[in-house]
Amino acid sequence: REFVKGEVPAAAVFISVIMCVLTVERLVNNRGTRVTLVDGFMQPNFKAYCRRLEKMDPFRRDARVLQVTVWDPKIRLHGRPRFQTGVVYELKKIHTMKFYHDMVQGSMQSLGQLTLG
């Protein structure tokens, strides 16, 4: 959050993050997934942190999350969901980081089927 606010990265700048999945939703056009994330170090206290976020007004909640749109690869394999709530992921090559109503948003292209262990 502070990096995006201070540096204002250009659209061509790629960012990597280690975050914990809060919510997952398919886009209306069914060509990608919108993932809402919180800091990865929150995973041990995930349920308590979710309850705390639910009690906050939208402005304060949005200031604590990152929303990333993950676009599907051209050849999409169907199977298990790509992201699971409460799991920590390292997301690489996030681009077009910007603020939208005080929420940090970014976008990335999926390269293929994710192998969940």
PDB file of N, CA and C in Angstrom:
ATOM      1  N   ARG A   1       0.826  -1.192   0.000  1.00  0.00           N
ATOM      2  CA  ARG A   1       0.000   0.000   0.000  1.00  0.00           C
ATOM      3  C   ARG A   1       0.871   1.256   0.000  1.00  0.00           C
ATOM      4  N   GLU A   2       1.817   1.321   0.918  1.00  0.00           N
ATOM      5  CA  GLU A   2       2.695   2.494   0.986  1.00  0.00           C
ATOM      6  C   GLU A   2       3.578   2.593  -0.255  1.00  0.00           C
ATOM      7  N   PHE A   3       3.975   1.431  -0.795  1.00  0.00           N
ATOM      8  CA  PHE A   3       4.789   1.440  -2.005  1.00  0.00           C
ATOM      9  C   PHE A   3       4.011   2.063  -3.165  1.00  0.00           C
ATOM     10  N   VAL A   4       2.771   1.652  -3.338  1.00  0.00           N
ATOM     11  CA  VAL A   4       1.952   2.177  -4.439  1.00  0.00           C
ATOM     12  C   VAL A   4       1.697   3.662  -4.246  1.00  0.00           C
ATOM     13  N   LYS A   5       1.452   4.064  -3.003  1.00  0.00           N
ATOM     14  CA  LYS A   5       1.178   5.476  -2.721  1.00  0.00           C
ATOM     15  C   LYS A   5       2.424   6.331  -2.931  1.00  0.00           C
ATOM     16  N   GLY A   6       3.581   5.855  -2.479  1.00  0.00           N
ATOM     17  CA  GLY A   6       4.809   6.644  -2.552  1.00  0.00           C
ATOM     18  C   GLY A   6       5.489   6.613  -3.905  1.00  0.00           C
ATOM     19  N   GLU A   7       5.541   5.428  -4.512  1.00  0.00           N
ATOM     20  CA  GLU A   7       6.273   5.260  -5.769  1.00  0.00           C
ATOM     21  C   GLU A   7       5.425   5.542  -7.007  1.00  0.00           C
ATOM     22  N   VAL A   8       4.121   5.333  -6.931  1.00  0.00           N
ATOM     23  CA  VAL A   8       3.202   5.440  -8.068  1.00  0.00           C
ATOM     24  C   VAL A   8       3.802   4.700  -9.272  1.00  0.00           C
ATOM     25  N   PRO A   9       3.850   3.351  -9.186  1.00  0.00           N
ATOM     26  CA  PRO A   9       4.497   2.581 -10.250  1.00  0.00           C
ATOM     27  C   PRO A   9       3.770   2.701 -11.586  1.00  0.00           C
ATOM     28  N   ALA A  10       4.552   2.756 -12.651  1.00  0.00           N
ATOM     29  CA  ALA A  10       3.981   2.817 -14.004  1.00  0.00           C
ATOM     30  C   ALA A  10       3.315   1.484 -14.328  1.00  0.00           C
ATOM     31  N   ALA A  11       2.454   1.478 -15.334  1.00  0.00           N
ATOM     32  CA  ALA A  11       1.722   0.261 -15.708  1.00  0.00           C
ATOM     33  C   ALA A  11       2.660  -0.877 -16.095  1.00  0.00           C
ATOM     34  N   ALA A  12       3.846  -0.556 -16.610  1.00  0.00           N
ATOM     35  CA  ALA A  12       4.794  -1.574 -17.054  1.00  0.00           C
ATOM     36  C   ALA A  12       5.665  -2.114 -15.920  1.00  0.00           C
ATOM     37  N   VAL A  13       5.509  -1.611 -14.699  1.00  0.00           N
ATOM     38  CA  VAL A  13       6.289  -2.079 -13.552  1.00  0.00           C
ATOM     39  C   VAL A  13       5.588  -3.292 -12.957  1.00  0.00           C
ATOM     40  N   PHE A  14       6.334  -4.402 -12.801  1.00  0.00           N
ATOM     41  CA  PHE A  14       5.771  -5.621 -12.228  1.00  0.00           C
ATOM     42  C   PHE A  14       6.107  -5.705 -10.752  1.00  0.00           C
ATOM     43  N   ILE A  15       5.139  -6.148  -9.954  1.00  0.00           N
ATOM     44  CA  ILE A  15       5.291  -6.236  -8.506  1.00  0.00           C
ATOM     45  C   ILE A  15       4.974  -7.663  -8.077  1.00  0.00           C
ATOM     46  N   SER A  16       5.702  -8.180  -7.084  1.00  0.00           N
ATOM     47  CA  SER A  16       5.427  -9.493  -6.499  1.00  0.00           C
ATOM     48  C   SER A  16       5.015  -9.303  -5.053  1.00  0.00           C
ATOM     49  N   VAL A  17       4.042 -10.106  -4.595  1.00  0.00           N
ATOM     50  CA  VAL A  17       3.561 -10.013  -3.217  1.00  0.00           C
ATOM     51  C   VAL A  17       3.315 -11.409  -2.657  1.00  0.00           C
ATOM     52  N   ILE A  18       3.375 -11.523  -1.341  1.00  0.00           N
ATOM     53  CA  ILE A  18       2.986 -12.744  -0.642  1.00  0.00           C
ATOM     54  C   ILE A  18       1.785 -12.366   0.207  1.00  0.00           C
ATOM     55  N   MET A  19       0.616 -12.892  -0.175  1.00  0.00           N
ATOM     56  CA  MET A  19      -0.642 -12.474   0.446  1.00  0.00           C
ATOM     57  C   MET A  19      -1.521 -13.688   0.746  1.00  0.00           C
ATOM     58  N   CYS A  20      -2.488 -13.464   1.632  1.00  0.00           N
ATOM     59  CA  CYS A  20      -3.459 -14.484   2.029  1.00  0.00           C
ATOM     60  C   CYS A  20      -4.809 -14.140   1.394  1.00  0.00           C
ATOM     61  N   VAL A  21      -5.468 -15.126   0.797  1.00  0.00           N
ATOM     62  CA  VAL A  21      -6.726 -14.905   0.078  1.00  0.00           C
ATOM     63  C   VAL A  21      -7.876 -14.691   1.056  1.00  0.00           C
ATOM     64  N   LEU A  22      -8.573 -13.577   0.880  1.00  0.00           N
ATOM     65  CA  LEU A  22      -9.745 -13.242   1.689  1.00  0.00           C
ATOM     66  C   LEU A  22     -11.025 -13.690   0.975  1.00  0.00           C
ATOM     67  N   THR A  23     -11.199 -13.287  -0.283  1.00  0.00           N
ATOM     68  CA  THR A  23     -12.361 -13.702  -1.076  1.00  0.00           C
ATOM     69  C   THR A  23     -11.937 -13.970  -2.514  1.00  0.00           C
ATOM     70  N   VAL A  24     -12.735 -14.787  -3.198  1.00  0.00           N
ATOM     71  CA  VAL A  24     -12.492 -15.134  -4.599  1.00  0.00           C
ATOM     72  C   VAL A  24     -13.823 -15.051  -5.338  1.00  0.00           C
ATOM     73  N   GLU A  25     -13.825 -14.412  -6.511  1.00  0.00           N
ATOM     74  CA  GLU A  25     -15.042 -14.369  -7.326  1.00  0.00           C
ATOM     75  C   GLU A  25     -14.670 -14.377  -8.802  1.00  0.00           C
ATOM     76  N   ARG A  26     -15.453 -15.117  -9.595  1.00  0.00           N
ATOM     77  CA  ARG A  26     -15.253 -15.124 -11.039  1.00  0.00           C
ATOM     78  C   ARG A  26     -15.787 -13.827 -11.617  1.00  0.00           C
ATOM     79  N   LEU A  27     -15.121 -13.318 -12.641  1.00  0.00           N
ATOM     80  CA  LEU A  27     -15.602 -12.125 -13.326  1.00  0.00           C
ATOM     81  C   LEU A  27     -16.858 -12.468 -14.122  1.00  0.00           C
ATOM     82  N   VAL A  28     -17.689 -11.477 -14.357  1.00  0.00           N
ATOM     83  CA  VAL A  28     -18.947 -11.675 -15.079  1.00  0.00           C
ATOM     84  C   VAL A  28     -18.693 -12.241 -16.475  1.00  0.00           C
ATOM     85  N   ASN A  29     -17.618 -11.810 -17.125  1.00  0.00           N
ATOM     86  CA  ASN A  29     -17.315 -12.289 -18.481  1.00  0.00           C
ATOM     87  C   ASN A  29     -16.688 -13.686 -18.486  1.00  0.00           C
ATOM     88  N   ASN A  30     -16.465 -14.279 -17.307  1.00  0.00           N
ATOM     89  CA  ASN A  30     -15.902 -15.621 -17.131  1.00  0.00           C
ATOM     90  C   ASN A  30     -14.517 -15.782 -17.769  1.00  0.00           C
ATOM     91  N   ARG A  31     -13.754 -14.705 -17.812  1.00  0.00           N
ATOM     92  CA  ARG A  31     -12.402 -14.757 -18.380  1.00  0.00           C
ATOM     93  C   ARG A  31     -11.325 -14.500 -17.340  1.00  0.00           C
ATOM     94  N   GLY A  32     -11.719 -14.440 -16.091  1.00  0.00           N
ATOM     95  CA  GLY A  32     -10.744 -14.182 -15.046  1.00  0.00           C
ATOM     96  C   GLY A  32     -11.367 -14.291 -13.667  1.00  0.00           C
ATOM     97  N   THR A  33     -10.527 -14.061 -12.664  1.00  0.00           N
ATOM     98  CA  THR A  33     -10.935 -14.158 -11.269  1.00  0.00           C
ATOM     99  C   THR A  33     -10.498 -12.906 -10.534  1.00  0.00           C
ATOM    100  N   ARG A  34     -11.374 -12.368  -9.690  1.00  0.00           N
ATOM    101  CA  ARG A  34     -11.014 -11.236  -8.840  1.00  0.00           C
ATOM    102  C   ARG A  34     -10.722 -11.795  -7.451  1.00  0.00           C
ATOM    103  N   VAL A  35      -9.497 -11.572  -6.989  1.00  0.00           N
ATOM    104  CA  VAL A  35      -9.050 -12.102  -5.707  1.00  0.00           C
ATOM    105  C   VAL A  35      -8.796 -10.932  -4.764  1.00  0.00           C
ATOM    106  N   THR A  36      -9.422 -10.964  -3.597  1.00  0.00           N
ATOM    107  CA  THR A  36      -9.188  -9.953  -2.571  1.00  0.00           C
ATOM    108  C   THR A  36      -8.260 -10.571  -1.540  1.00  0.00           C
ATOM    109  N   LEU A  37      -7.171  -9.862  -1.226  1.00  0.00           N
ATOM    110  CA  LEU A  37      -6.102 -10.413  -0.398  1.00  0.00           C
ATOM    111  C   LEU A  37      -5.781  -9.520   0.790  1.00  0.00           C
ATOM    112  N   VAL A  38      -5.219 -10.141   1.833  1.00  0.00           N
ATOM    113  CA  VAL A  38      -4.680  -9.418   2.985  1.00  0.00           C
ATOM    114  C   VAL A  38      -3.235  -9.869   3.160  1.00  0.00           C
ATOM    115  N   ASP A  39      -2.488  -9.192   4.017  1.00  0.00           N
ATOM    116  CA  ASP A  39      -1.086  -9.532   4.245  1.00  0.00           C
ATOM    117  C   ASP A  39      -0.924 -11.009   4.592  1.00  0.00           C
ATOM    118  N   GLY A  40       0.089 -11.633   4.034  1.00  0.00           N
ATOM    119  CA  GLY A  40       0.339 -13.050   4.263  1.00  0.00           C
ATOM    120  C   GLY A  40       0.572 -13.405   5.716  1.00  0.00           C
ATOM    121  N   PHE A  41       1.139 -12.473   6.489  1.00  0.00           N
ATOM    122  CA  PHE A  41       1.408 -12.776   7.899  1.00  0.00           C
ATOM    123  C   PHE A  41       0.129 -12.840   8.736  1.00  0.00           C
ATOM    124  N   MET A  42      -1.029 -12.528   8.145  1.00  0.00           N
ATOM    125  CA  MET A  42      -2.304 -12.594   8.868  1.00  0.00           C
ATOM    126  C   MET A  42      -2.888 -14.008   8.877  1.00  0.00           C
ATOM    127  N   GLN A  43      -2.295 -14.943   8.147  1.00  0.00           N
ATOM    128  CA  GLN A  43      -2.869 -16.284   8.042  1.00  0.00           C
ATOM    129  C   GLN A  43      -3.073 -16.979   9.389  1.00  0.00           C
ATOM    130  N   PRO A  44      -2.132 -16.928  10.337  1.00  0.00           N
ATOM    131  CA  PRO A  44      -2.374 -17.605  11.618  1.00  0.00           C
ATOM    132  C   PRO A  44      -3.606 -17.070  12.357  1.00  0.00           C
ATOM    133  N   ASN A  45      -3.964 -15.824  12.136  1.00  0.00           N
ATOM    134  CA  ASN A  45      -5.120 -15.200  12.791  1.00  0.00           C
ATOM    135  C   ASN A  45      -6.227 -14.911  11.784  1.00  0.00           C
ATOM    136  N   PHE A  46      -6.327 -15.719  10.727  1.00  0.00           N
ATOM    137  CA  PHE A  46      -7.194 -15.412   9.597  1.00  0.00           C
ATOM    138  C   PHE A  46      -8.659 -15.243   9.985  1.00  0.00           C
ATOM    139  N   LYS A  47      -9.220 -16.179  10.736  1.00  0.00           N
ATOM    140  CA  LYS A  47     -10.651 -16.106  11.078  1.00  0.00           C
ATOM    141  C   LYS A  47     -10.958 -14.874  11.921  1.00  0.00           C
ATOM    142  N   ALA A  48     -10.114 -14.591  12.908  1.00  0.00           N
ATOM    143  CA  ALA A  48     -10.325 -13.410  13.758  1.00  0.00           C
ATOM    144  C   ALA A  48     -10.193 -12.130  12.932  1.00  0.00           C
ATOM    145  N   TYR A  49      -9.216 -12.098  12.008  1.00  0.00           N
ATOM    146  CA  TYR A  49      -9.027 -10.913  11.172  1.00  0.00           C
ATOM    147  C   TYR A  49     -10.222 -10.713  10.236  1.00  0.00           C
ATOM    148  N   CYS A  50     -10.784 -11.805   9.708  1.00  0.00           N
ATOM    149  CA  CYS A  50     -11.981 -11.703   8.851  1.00  0.00           C
ATOM    150  C   CYS A  50     -13.150 -11.116   9.631  1.00  0.00           C
ATOM    151  N   ARG A  51     -13.345 -11.573  10.864  1.00  0.00           N
ATOM    152  CA  ARG A  51     -14.429 -11.026  11.692  1.00  0.00           C
ATOM    153  C   ARG A  51     -14.213  -9.540  11.944  1.00  0.00           C
ATOM    154  N   ARG A  52     -12.967  -9.161  12.178  1.00  0.00           N
ATOM    155  CA  ARG A  52     -12.646  -7.748  12.407  1.00  0.00           C
ATOM    156  C   ARG A  52     -12.943  -6.912  11.155  1.00  0.00           C
ATOM    157  N   LEU A  53     -12.571  -7.424   9.991  1.00  0.00           N
ATOM    158  CA  LEU A  53     -12.836  -6.710   8.736  1.00  0.00           C
ATOM    159  C   LEU A  53     -14.335  -6.568   8.476  1.00  0.00           C
ATOM    160  N   GLU A  54     -15.111  -7.598   8.806  1.00  0.00           N
ATOM    161  CA  GLU A  54     -16.564  -7.549   8.595  1.00  0.00           C
ATOM    162  C   GLU A  54     -17.220  -6.440   9.408  1.00  0.00           C
ATOM    163  N   LYS A  55     -16.658  -6.141  10.567  1.00  0.00           N
ATOM    164  CA  LYS A  55     -17.227  -5.119  11.444  1.00  0.00           C
ATOM    165  C   LYS A  55     -16.859  -3.700  11.011  1.00  0.00           C
ATOM    166  N   MET A  56     -15.834  -3.574  10.174  1.00  0.00           N
ATOM    167  CA  MET A  56     -15.371  -2.250   9.740  1.00  0.00           C
ATOM    168  C   MET A  56     -16.269  -1.674   8.652  1.00  0.00           C
ATOM    169  N   ASP A  57     -16.286  -0.345   8.583  1.00  0.00           N
ATOM    170  CA  ASP A  57     -16.991   0.292   7.477  1.00  0.00           C
ATOM    171  C   ASP A  57     -16.171   0.064   6.196  1.00  0.00           C
ATOM    172  N   PRO A  58     -16.811   0.145   5.019  1.00  0.00           N
ATOM    173  CA  PRO A  58     -16.110  -0.155   3.759  1.00  0.00           C
ATOM    174  C   PRO A  58     -14.833   0.658   3.543  1.00  0.00           C
ATOM    175  N   PHE A  59     -14.818   1.915   3.963  1.00  0.00           N
ATOM    176  CA  PHE A  59     -13.635   2.751   3.762  1.00  0.00           C
ATOM    177  C   PHE A  59     -12.430   2.181   4.512  1.00  0.00           C
ATOM    178  N   ARG A  60     -12.612   1.810   5.765  1.00  0.00           N
ATOM    179  CA  ARG A  60     -11.498   1.251   6.551  1.00  0.00           C
ATOM    180  C   ARG A  60     -11.117  -0.145   6.074  1.00  0.00           C
ATOM    181  N   ARG A  61     -12.100  -0.942   5.689  1.00  0.00           N
ATOM    182  CA  ARG A  61     -11.817  -2.291   5.199  1.00  0.00           C
ATOM    183  C   ARG A  61     -11.011  -2.218   3.900  1.00  0.00           C
ATOM    184  N   ASP A  62     -11.425  -1.345   2.983  1.00  0.00           N
ATOM    185  CA  ASP A  62     -10.731  -1.226   1.699  1.00  0.00           C
ATOM    186  C   ASP A  62      -9.287  -0.774   1.858  1.00  0.00           C
ATOM    187  N   ALA A  63      -8.986  -0.063   2.933  1.00  0.00           N
ATOM    188  CA  ALA A  63      -7.626   0.408   3.174  1.00  0.00           C
ATOM    189  C   ALA A  63      -6.706  -0.722   3.637  1.00  0.00           C
ATOM    190  N   ARG A  64      -7.257  -1.899   3.932  1.00  0.00           N
ATOM    191  CA  ARG A  64      -6.465  -3.012   4.453  1.00  0.00           C
ATOM    192  C   ARG A  64      -6.362  -4.201   3.497  1.00  0.00           C
ATOM    193  N   VAL A  65      -6.903  -4.066   2.302  1.00  0.00           N
ATOM    194  CA  VAL A  65      -6.893  -5.188   1.365  1.00  0.00           C
ATOM    195  C   VAL A  65      -6.282  -4.783   0.023  1.00  0.00           C
ATOM    196  N   LEU A  66      -5.912  -5.799  -0.744  1.00  0.00           N
ATOM    197  CA  LEU A  66      -5.422  -5.638  -2.113  1.00  0.00           C
ATOM    198  C   LEU A  66      -6.339  -6.468  -2.996  1.00  0.00           C
ATOM    199  N   GLN A  67      -6.768  -5.912  -4.096  1.00  0.00           N
ATOM    200  CA  GLN A  67      -7.629  -6.644  -5.020  1.00  0.00           C
ATOM    201  C   GLN A  67      -6.878  -6.829  -6.333  1.00  0.00           C
ATOM    202  N   VAL A  68      -6.748  -8.092  -6.767  1.00  0.00           N
ATOM    203  CA  VAL A  68      -6.018  -8.405  -7.989  1.00  0.00           C
ATOM    204  C   VAL A  68      -6.950  -9.147  -8.942  1.00  0.00           C
ATOM    205  N   THR A  69      -6.965  -8.711 -10.191  1.00  0.00           N
ATOM    206  CA  THR A  69      -7.690  -9.424 -11.239  1.00  0.00           C
ATOM    207  C   THR A  69      -6.696 -10.347 -11.924  1.00  0.00           C
ATOM    208  N   VAL A  70      -6.975 -11.651 -11.892  1.00  0.00           N
ATOM    209  CA  VAL A  70      -6.111 -12.653 -12.516  1.00  0.00           C
ATOM    210  C   VAL A  70      -6.816 -13.126 -13.781  1.00  0.00           C
ATOM    211  N   TRP A  71      -6.276 -12.718 -14.931  1.00  0.00           N
ATOM    212  CA  TRP A  71      -6.878 -13.078 -16.215  1.00  0.00           C
ATOM    213  C   TRP A  71      -6.503 -14.506 -16.572  1.00  0.00           C
ATOM    214  N   ASP A  72      -7.460 -15.265 -17.113  1.00  0.00           N
ATOM    215  CA  ASP A  72      -7.238 -16.658 -17.486  1.00  0.00           C
ATOM    216  C   ASP A  72      -6.281 -16.763 -18.664  1.00  0.00           C
ATOM    217  N   PRO A  73      -5.562 -17.903 -18.762  1.00  0.00           N
ATOM    218  CA  PRO A  73      -4.738 -18.136 -19.953  1.00  0.00           C
ATOM    219  C   PRO A  73      -5.648 -18.401 -21.154  1.00  0.00           C
ATOM    220  N   LYS A  74      -5.090 -18.305 -22.352  1.00  0.00           N
ATOM    221  CA  LYS A  74      -5.893 -18.525 -23.558  1.00  0.00           C
ATOM    222  C   LYS A  74      -6.450 -19.950 -23.598  1.00  0.00           C
ATOM    223  N   ILE A  75      -5.635 -20.918 -23.180  1.00  0.00           N
ATOM    224  CA  ILE A  75      -6.101 -22.302 -23.095  1.00  0.00           C
ATOM    225  C   ILE A  75      -6.358 -22.580 -21.622  1.00  0.00           C
ATOM    226  N   ARG A  76      -7.623 -22.683 -21.274  1.00  0.00           N
ATOM    227  CA  ARG A  76      -8.004 -22.803 -19.871  1.00  0.00           C
ATOM    228  C   ARG A  76      -8.393 -24.244 -19.565  1.00  0.00           C
ATOM    229  N   LEU A  77      -7.813 -24.790 -18.514  1.00  0.00           N
ATOM    230  CA  LEU A  77      -8.166 -26.123 -18.053  1.00  0.00           C
ATOM    231  C   LEU A  77      -9.140 -25.990 -16.894  1.00  0.00           C
ATOM    232  N   HIS A  78     -10.148 -26.822 -16.880  1.00  0.00           N
ATOM    233  CA  HIS A  78     -11.125 -26.792 -15.791  1.00  0.00           C
ATOM    234  C   HIS A  78     -10.714 -27.815 -14.743  1.00  0.00           C
ATOM    235  N   GLY A  79     -10.970 -27.529 -13.538  1.00  0.00           N
ATOM    236  CA  GLY A  79     -10.612 -28.427 -12.450  1.00  0.00           C
ATOM    237  C   GLY A  79     -10.877 -27.744 -11.130  1.00  0.00           C
ATOM    238  N   ARG A  80      -9.992 -27.983 -10.193  1.00  0.00           N
ATOM    239  CA  ARG A  80     -10.154 -27.355  -8.885  1.00  0.00           C
ATOM    240  C   ARG A  80     -10.027 -25.845  -9.005  1.00  0.00           C
ATOM    241  N   PRO A  81     -10.667 -25.114  -8.084  1.00  0.00           N
ATOM    242  CA  PRO A  81     -10.534 -23.650  -8.109  1.00  0.00           C
ATOM    243  C   PRO A  81      -9.066 -23.235  -8.018  1.00  0.00           C
ATOM    244  N   ARG A  82      -8.731 -22.175  -8.698  1.00  0.00           N
ATOM    245  CA  ARG A  82      -7.353 -21.692  -8.737  1.00  0.00           C
ATOM    246  C   ARG A  82      -6.898 -21.136  -7.391  1.00  0.00           C
ATOM    247  N   PHE A  83      -7.789 -20.454  -6.673  1.00  0.00           N
ATOM    248  CA  PHE A  83      -7.445 -19.853  -5.383  1.00  0.00           C
ATOM    249  C   PHE A  83      -8.400 -20.357  -4.312  1.00  0.00           C
ATOM    250  N   GLN A  84      -7.874 -20.514  -3.093  1.00  0.00           N
ATOM    251  CA  GLN A  84      -8.681 -20.969  -1.968  1.00  0.00           C
ATOM    252  C   GLN A  84      -8.574 -19.964  -0.835  1.00  0.00           C
ATOM    253  N   THR A  85      -9.704 -19.661  -0.214  1.00  0.00           N
ATOM    254  CA  THR A  85      -9.756 -18.708   0.892  1.00  0.00           C
ATOM    255  C   THR A  85      -8.887 -19.188   2.049  1.00  0.00           C
ATOM    256  N   GLY A  86      -8.104 -18.265   2.617  1.00  0.00           N
ATOM    257  CA  GLY A  86      -7.267 -18.565   3.771  1.00  0.00           C
ATOM    258  C   GLY A  86      -5.895 -19.116   3.444  1.00  0.00           C
ATOM    259  N   VAL A  87      -5.591 -19.316   2.164  1.00  0.00           N
ATOM    260  CA  VAL A  87      -4.302 -19.865   1.741  1.00  0.00           C
ATOM    261  C   VAL A  87      -3.387 -18.719   1.320  1.00  0.00           C
ATOM    262  N   VAL A  88      -2.093 -18.843   1.634  1.00  0.00           N
ATOM    263  CA  VAL A  88      -1.106 -17.828   1.266  1.00  0.00           C
ATOM    264  C   VAL A  88      -0.519 -18.183  -0.102  1.00  0.00           C
ATOM    265  N   TYR A  89      -0.462 -17.191  -0.989  1.00  0.00           N
ATOM    266  CA  TYR A  89       0.100 -17.354  -2.328  1.00  0.00           C
ATOM    267  C   TYR A  89       1.143 -16.274  -2.570  1.00  0.00           C
ATOM    268  N   GLU A  90       2.119 -16.608  -3.414  1.00  0.00           N
ATOM    269  CA  GLU A  90       3.049 -15.600  -3.910  1.00  0.00           C
ATOM    270  C   GLU A  90       2.585 -15.261  -5.326  1.00  0.00           C
ATOM    271  N   LEU A  91       2.180 -14.028  -5.520  1.00  0.00           N
ATOM    272  CA  LEU A  91       1.714 -13.571  -6.827  1.00  0.00           C
ATOM    273  C   LEU A  91       2.813 -12.728  -7.452  1.00  0.00           C
ATOM    274  N   LYS A  92       3.195 -13.082  -8.674  1.00  0.00           N
ATOM    275  CA  LYS A  92       4.284 -12.391  -9.356  1.00  0.00           C
ATOM    276  C   LYS A  92       3.758 -11.684 -10.596  1.00  0.00           C
ATOM    277  N   LYS A  93       4.470 -10.661 -10.988  1.00  0.00           N
ATOM    278  CA  LYS A  93       4.172  -9.892 -12.206  1.00  0.00           C
ATOM    279  C   LYS A  93       2.801  -9.229 -12.164  1.00  0.00           C
ATOM    280  N   ILE A  94       2.451  -8.653 -11.013  1.00  0.00           N
ATOM    281  CA  ILE A  94       1.238  -7.848 -10.927  1.00  0.00           C
ATOM    282  C   ILE A  94       1.566  -6.497 -11.548  1.00  0.00           C
ATOM    283  N   HIS A  95       0.703  -6.013 -12.419  1.00  0.00           N
ATOM    284  CA  HIS A  95       0.954  -4.731 -13.083  1.00  0.00           C
ATOM    285  C   HIS A  95      -0.261  -3.826 -12.942  1.00  0.00           C
ATOM    286  N   THR A  96      -0.129  -2.622 -13.412  1.00  0.00           N
ATOM    287  CA  THR A  96      -1.186  -1.606 -13.377  1.00  0.00           C
ATOM    288  C   THR A  96      -1.728  -1.430 -11.960  1.00  0.00           C
ATOM    289  N   MET A  97      -0.828  -1.263 -10.995  1.00  0.00           N
ATOM    290  CA  MET A  97      -1.228  -1.038  -9.604  1.00  0.00           C
ATOM    291  C   MET A  97      -1.735   0.390  -9.468  1.00  0.00           C
ATOM    292  N   LYS A  98      -2.927   0.536  -8.880  1.00  0.00           N
ATOM    293  CA  LYS A  98      -3.513   1.867  -8.725  1.00  0.00           C
ATOM    294  C   LYS A  98      -4.509   1.847  -7.572  1.00  0.00           C
ATOM    295  N   PHE A  99      -4.901   3.032  -7.148  1.00  0.00           N
ATOM    296  CA  PHE A  99      -5.928   3.167  -6.120  1.00  0.00           C
ATOM    297  C   PHE A  99      -7.280   3.327  -6.791  1.00  0.00           C
ATOM    298  N   TYR A 100      -8.273   2.631  -6.268  1.00  0.00           N
ATOM    299  CA  TYR A 100      -9.655   2.794  -6.709  1.00  0.00           C
ATOM    300  C   TYR A 100     -10.500   2.908  -5.445  1.00  0.00           C
ATOM    301  N   HIS A 101     -10.984   4.107  -5.159  1.00  0.00           N
ATOM    302  CA  HIS A 101     -11.742   4.372  -3.923  1.00  0.00           C
ATOM    303  C   HIS A 101     -10.977   3.890  -2.694  1.00  0.00           C
ATOM    304  N   ASP A 102      -9.711   4.222  -2.598  1.00  0.00           N
ATOM    305  CA  ASP A 102      -8.823   3.904  -1.482  1.00  0.00           C
ATOM    306  C   ASP A 102      -8.478   2.415  -1.372  1.00  0.00           C
ATOM    307  N   MET A 103      -8.848   1.611  -2.362  1.00  0.00           N
ATOM    308  CA  MET A 103      -8.444   0.208  -2.392  1.00  0.00           C
ATOM    309  C   MET A 103      -7.363   0.057  -3.455  1.00  0.00           C
ATOM    310  N   VAL A 104      -6.272  -0.630  -3.112  1.00  0.00           N
ATOM    311  CA  VAL A 104      -5.214  -0.871  -4.088  1.00  0.00           C
ATOM    312  C   VAL A 104      -5.659  -2.022  -4.987  1.00  0.00           C
ATOM    313  N   GLN A 105      -5.566  -1.794  -6.306  1.00  0.00           N
ATOM    314  CA  GLN A 105      -5.942  -2.814  -7.270  1.00  0.00           C
ATOM    315  C   GLN A 105      -4.817  -3.026  -8.262  1.00  0.00           C
ATOM    316  N   GLY A 106      -4.736  -4.237  -8.772  1.00  0.00           N
ATOM    317  CA  GLY A 106      -3.751  -4.570  -9.779  1.00  0.00           C
ATOM    318  C   GLY A 106      -4.298  -5.648 -10.690  1.00  0.00           C
ATOM    319  N   SER A 107      -3.496  -6.051 -11.662  1.00  0.00           N
ATOM    320  CA  SER A 107      -3.922  -7.035 -12.645  1.00  0.00           C
ATOM    321  C   SER A 107      -2.739  -7.923 -12.986  1.00  0.00           C
ATOM    322  N   MET A 108      -3.015  -9.180 -13.351  1.00  0.00           N
ATOM    323  CA  MET A 108      -1.950 -10.082 -13.775  1.00  0.00           C
ATOM    324  C   MET A 108      -2.524 -11.124 -14.720  1.00  0.00           C
ATOM    325  N   GLN A 109      -1.666 -11.708 -15.535  1.00  0.00           N
ATOM    326  CA  GLN A 109      -2.069 -12.737 -16.492  1.00  0.00           C
ATOM    327  C   GLN A 109      -1.660 -14.094 -15.946  1.00  0.00           C
ATOM    328  N   SER A 110      -2.588 -15.031 -15.923  1.00  0.00           N
ATOM    329  CA  SER A 110      -2.282 -16.388 -15.502  1.00  0.00           C
ATOM    330  C   SER A 110      -1.557 -17.094 -16.642  1.00  0.00           C
ATOM    331  N   LEU A 111      -0.538 -17.877 -16.298  1.00  0.00           N
ATOM    332  CA  LEU A 111       0.250 -18.545 -17.328  1.00  0.00           C
ATOM    333  C   LEU A 111      -0.225 -19.953 -17.630  1.00  0.00           C
ATOM    334  N   GLY A 112      -1.030 -20.530 -16.779  1.00  0.00           N
ATOM    335  CA  GLY A 112      -1.498 -21.892 -17.010  1.00  0.00           C
ATOM    336  C   GLY A 112      -2.121 -22.446 -15.756  1.00  0.00           C
ATOM    337  N   GLN A 113      -2.401 -23.741 -15.784  1.00  0.00           N
ATOM    338  CA  GLN A 113      -3.045 -24.382 -14.646  1.00  0.00           C
ATOM    339  C   GLN A 113      -2.118 -24.348 -13.441  1.00  0.00           C
ATOM    340  N   LEU A 114      -2.644 -23.909 -12.318  1.00  0.00           N
ATOM    341  CA  LEU A 114      -1.896 -23.841 -11.071  1.00  0.00           C
ATOM    342  C   LEU A 114      -1.943 -25.201 -10.408  1.00  0.00           C
ATOM    343  N   THR A 115      -0.811 -25.701  -9.963  1.00  0.00           N
ATOM    344  CA  THR A 115      -0.765 -26.970  -9.265  1.00  0.00           C
ATOM    345  C   THR A 115      -0.861 -26.697  -7.777  1.00  0.00           C
ATOM    346  N   LEU A 116      -1.993 -27.076  -7.194  1.00  0.00           N
ATOM    347  CA  LEU A 116      -2.178 -26.897  -5.756  1.00  0.00           C
ATOM    348  C   LEU A 116      -1.752 -28.179  -5.070  1.00  0.00           C
ATOM    349  N   GLY A 117      -0.884 -28.012  -4.047  1.00  0.00           N
ATOM    350  CA  GLY A 117      -0.246 -29.138  -3.458  1.00  0.00           C
ATOM    351  C   GLY A 117      -0.938 -29.913  -2.469  1.00  0.00           C
TER     352      GLY A 117
END
